[in-house]
Amino acid sequence: MAENRIDKFRKERERLNELVLKYSGTNVKRFVNLDWQAYQDGVLPARLKELMGLVTSLVLRCDDCIMYHLIRCREESVTDSELEETLAIGLMVGGSITIPHLRRIWKVWDEMKRGE
């Protein structure tokens, strides 16, 4: 079976993260660890943090970040309605320039739901 977009993204992200860490010093490694820790359950649950990460990534228009947080939202069992409300906030904050990203988000979300 052909590898899907999500699997390709995960593999490439993992490969590139390993490369970054191979050449990075303490400061970058600390930042990567801090980033990982920030999204763990705390007072706010991880699923809410992933939605926050997604909306922030949408506003900043970072395709890799959007993809990562969208995958994590799916893993955290975010519903269609929760995703829609979150993306509506991103649209309000980011404006119409985020619409192309919204299109891609819903395309990937639909693919993940169908198991592609």
Protein backbone atom coordinates (compact mmCIF):
# COMPACT_ATOMS: atom_id res chain seq x y z
CA MET A 1 0.00 0.00 0.00
CA ALA A 2 1.28 3.46 -0.87
CA GLU A 3 2.52 5.63 1.94
CA ASN A 4 0.07 8.43 2.72
CA ARG A 5 0.77 12.12 3.26
CA ILE A 6 0.63 11.86 7.06
CA ASP A 7 3.08 8.96 7.23
CA LYS A 8 5.46 10.74 4.86
CA PHE A 9 5.27 13.89 6.96
CA ARG A 10 5.96 11.98 10.19
CA LYS A 11 8.94 10.11 8.72
CA GLU A 12 10.47 13.24 7.21
CA ARG A 13 9.92 15.24 10.39
CA GLU A 14 11.56 12.52 12.48
CA ARG A 15 14.50 12.26 10.07
CA LEU A 16 15.04 16.02 10.05
CA ASN A 17 14.66 16.29 13.83
CA GLU A 18 17.39 13.68 14.23
CA LEU A 19 19.60 15.71 11.90
CA VAL A 20 18.93 18.92 13.82
CA LEU A 21 19.78 17.23 17.11
CA LYS A 22 22.91 15.68 15.63
CA TYR A 23 24.35 19.13 14.91
CA SER A 24 22.78 21.07 17.78
CA GLY A 25 24.27 22.18 21.02
CA THR A 26 22.73 22.46 24.45
CA ASN A 27 20.60 25.54 23.73
CA VAL A 28 18.70 24.01 20.82
CA LYS A 29 18.29 20.69 22.64
CA ARG A 30 16.91 22.50 25.69
CA PHE A 31 14.46 24.40 23.51
CA VAL A 32 13.25 21.21 21.81
CA ASN A 33 12.71 19.61 25.22
CA LEU A 34 10.90 22.70 26.53
CA ASP A 35 8.65 22.69 23.46
CA TRP A 36 7.78 19.03 24.04
CA GLN A 37 7.11 19.61 27.75
CA ALA A 38 4.83 22.58 27.06
CA TYR A 39 2.32 20.37 25.22
CA GLN A 40 2.04 17.71 27.93
CA ASP A 41 -0.98 17.47 30.23
CA GLY A 42 -0.88 20.01 33.02
CA VAL A 43 -3.53 22.36 34.34
CA LEU A 44 -4.62 22.49 30.69
CA PRO A 45 -5.07 19.14 28.98
CA ALA A 46 -2.80 18.24 26.06
CA ARG A 47 -5.73 18.27 23.61
CA LEU A 48 -6.48 21.92 24.43
CA LYS A 49 -2.81 22.79 24.12
CA GLU A 50 -2.69 21.13 20.69
CA LEU A 51 -5.69 23.19 19.56
CA MET A 52 -3.88 26.30 20.82
CA GLY A 53 -0.76 25.24 18.93
CA LEU A 54 -2.82 24.69 15.80
CA VAL A 55 -4.53 28.08 15.91
CA THR A 56 -1.20 29.81 16.58
CA SER A 57 0.40 27.96 13.68
CA LEU A 58 -2.51 28.92 11.43
CA VAL A 59 -2.14 32.59 12.29
CA LEU A 60 1.63 32.40 11.74
CA ARG A 61 0.99 30.39 8.53
CA CYS A 62 3.57 27.69 9.26
CA ASP A 63 2.58 24.67 7.15
CA ASP A 64 4.83 22.20 8.98
CA CYS A 65 3.56 23.37 12.38
CA ILE A 66 -0.04 23.22 11.17
CA MET A 67 0.43 19.65 9.96
CA TYR A 68 2.10 18.56 13.20
CA HIS A 69 -0.57 20.07 15.45
CA LEU A 70 -3.38 18.80 13.22
CA ILE A 71 -2.03 15.26 13.52
CA ARG A 72 -1.72 15.69 17.28
CA CYS A 73 -5.29 17.03 17.46
CA ARG A 74 -6.51 13.88 15.73
CA GLU A 75 -4.47 11.74 18.14
CA GLU A 76 -6.04 13.67 21.04
CA SER A 77 -9.55 12.89 19.71
CA VAL A 78 -10.47 16.47 18.85
CA THR A 79 -13.92 16.59 17.27
CA ASP A 80 -14.90 18.24 14.00
CA SER A 81 -16.84 20.86 15.94
CA GLU A 82 -13.92 21.64 18.25
CA LEU A 83 -11.63 21.95 15.25
CA GLU A 84 -14.09 24.21 13.44
CA GLU A 85 -14.41 26.60 16.40
CA THR A 86 -10.65 26.70 16.84
CA LEU A 87 -10.07 27.46 13.17
CA ALA A 88 -12.74 30.17 13.26
CA ILE A 89 -10.70 31.93 15.96
CA GLY A 90 -7.62 31.61 13.78
CA LEU A 91 -9.48 33.13 10.86
CA MET A 92 -10.66 36.04 13.03
CA VAL A 93 -7.15 36.74 14.26
CA GLY A 94 -5.25 35.94 11.07
CA GLY A 95 -7.69 37.25 8.50
CA SER A 96 -8.41 36.09 4.99
CA ILE A 97 -4.75 35.26 4.32
CA THR A 98 -5.31 32.11 6.40
CA ILE A 99 -8.05 30.78 4.10
CA PRO A 100 -5.67 28.76 1.87
CA HIS A 101 -4.35 27.10 5.03
CA LEU A 102 -7.91 26.37 6.17
CA ARG A 103 -8.53 24.60 2.88
CA ARG A 104 -5.49 22.40 3.36
CA ILE A 105 -6.33 21.74 7.02
CA TRP A 106 -9.79 20.45 6.16
CA LYS A 107 -8.38 18.39 3.29
CA VAL A 108 -5.86 16.68 5.59
CA TRP A 109 -8.44 16.30 8.38
CA ASP A 110 -10.80 14.58 5.97
CA GLU A 111 -7.99 12.30 4.77
CA MET A 112 -7.13 11.35 8.34
CA LYS A 113 -10.76 10.59 9.14
CA ARG A 114 -11.01 8.36 6.07
CA GLY A 115 -7.75 6.62 6.99
CA GLU A 116 -5.85 7.66 3.89
